[in-house]
Protein backbone atom coordinates (compact mmCIF):
# COMPACT_ATOMS: atom_id res chain seq x y z
CA MET A 1 0.19 -12.08 -11.54
CA GLN A 2 2.99 -11.45 -13.94
CA LEU A 3 2.87 -9.33 -17.03
CA ALA A 4 5.27 -9.35 -20.13
CA VAL A 5 5.24 -6.42 -22.45
CA GLU A 6 7.06 -5.94 -25.83
CA ILE A 7 7.27 -2.15 -26.34
CA SER A 8 8.62 -0.17 -29.37
CA LEU A 9 8.85 3.64 -29.46
CA TYR A 10 8.88 5.49 -32.68
CA PRO A 11 9.77 9.17 -31.88
CA LEU A 12 8.53 11.66 -34.50
CA LYS A 13 11.97 13.44 -34.57
CA ASP A 14 15.06 13.31 -36.79
CA ASP A 15 17.32 12.41 -33.84
CA TYR A 16 15.30 9.45 -32.87
CA LEU A 17 18.01 7.28 -31.47
CA SER A 18 18.78 9.72 -28.44
CA VAL A 19 14.93 9.67 -27.59
CA ILE A 20 14.88 5.81 -27.52
CA LYS A 21 18.13 5.36 -25.32
CA TRP A 22 16.67 8.17 -22.91
CA PHE A 23 13.49 6.08 -22.71
CA ILE A 24 15.31 2.87 -22.04
CA GLN A 25 17.47 4.52 -19.56
CA ARG A 26 14.47 5.60 -17.53
CA LEU A 27 12.92 2.03 -17.81
CA ASP A 28 16.30 0.95 -15.73
CA GLN A 29 15.16 2.91 -12.76
CA TYR A 30 12.69 0.15 -11.94
CA PRO A 31 14.61 -2.69 -10.54
CA GLU A 32 11.53 -4.76 -9.64
CA VAL A 33 10.83 -4.88 -13.67
CA ARG A 34 13.31 -6.87 -15.87
CA ARG A 35 14.21 -5.20 -19.03
CA LEU A 36 15.64 -6.99 -22.18
CA THR A 37 16.26 -4.89 -25.40
CA ASN A 38 17.00 -5.81 -28.84
CA GLY A 39 17.58 -4.22 -32.06
CA MET A 40 13.62 -4.09 -32.51
CA SER A 41 12.15 -3.66 -29.36
CA THR A 42 12.23 -3.84 -25.56
CA GLN A 43 10.58 -6.56 -23.33
CA LEU A 44 9.58 -5.88 -19.68
CA LEU A 45 8.69 -8.42 -17.31
CA GLY A 46 7.29 -7.82 -13.66
CA ASP A 47 4.32 -7.80 -11.41
CA TYR A 48 1.22 -6.58 -13.47
CA ASP A 49 0.72 -3.56 -11.29
CA ALA A 50 4.37 -2.46 -11.35
CA VAL A 51 4.65 -2.88 -15.19
CA MET A 52 1.37 -0.89 -15.92
CA ALA A 53 2.34 1.90 -13.46
CA LEU A 54 5.86 2.23 -15.13
CA LEU A 55 4.51 2.37 -18.49
CA ALA A 56 2.00 5.15 -17.49
CA THR A 57 4.73 7.17 -15.93
CA GLU A 58 7.34 6.67 -18.55
CA MET A 59 5.03 7.06 -21.69
CA LYS A 60 3.52 10.26 -20.14
CA ALA A 61 7.19 11.58 -19.44
CA ALA A 62 8.34 10.69 -23.03
CA HIS A 63 5.41 12.63 -24.75
CA GLU A 64 6.06 15.60 -22.19
CA GLN A 65 9.91 15.62 -22.89
CA TRP A 66 9.86 14.82 -26.60
CA GLY A 67 6.34 15.66 -28.08
CA LYS A 68 4.71 13.18 -30.57
CA GLY A 69 5.89 9.82 -30.78
CA VAL A 70 4.27 6.33 -31.34
CA PHE A 71 4.37 3.50 -28.94
CA VAL A 72 3.35 0.01 -30.07
CA CYS A 73 2.82 -2.53 -27.32
CA LYS A 74 2.01 -6.29 -27.10
CA PHE A 75 0.81 -7.36 -23.47
CA ILE A 76 0.84 -11.01 -22.29
CA PRO A 77 -0.59 -11.66 -18.81
CA GLY A 78 1.10 -14.44 -16.85
CA GLY A 79 4.41 -13.32 -18.51
CA VAL A 80 6.81 -15.32 -20.78
CA ASN A 81 10.36 -16.66 -20.40
CA LEU A 82 12.39 -13.55 -21.84
CA ASP A 83 15.49 -15.88 -22.21
CA HIS A 84 13.75 -18.24 -24.53
CA SER A 85 15.33 -18.45 -28.11
CA GLU A 86 14.84 -21.06 -30.76
């Protein structure tokens, strides 16, 4: 089953942009998961288990590396067309 996730990271640091860029670069290490980023969030699309494993690994890494930060996620089982726009 496919899974689409919209994720936003809000680092509790003054230099928040470098933390967000670091996190997005780490997401790109998973070629089996498609990533699309805009000014408000990042969307991920891929196999359900692969996406959930990626999130578990990379969210933990972000907290270990940078300390406190807030992740806000929306999960859509079955996936969505990330290229759709109106």
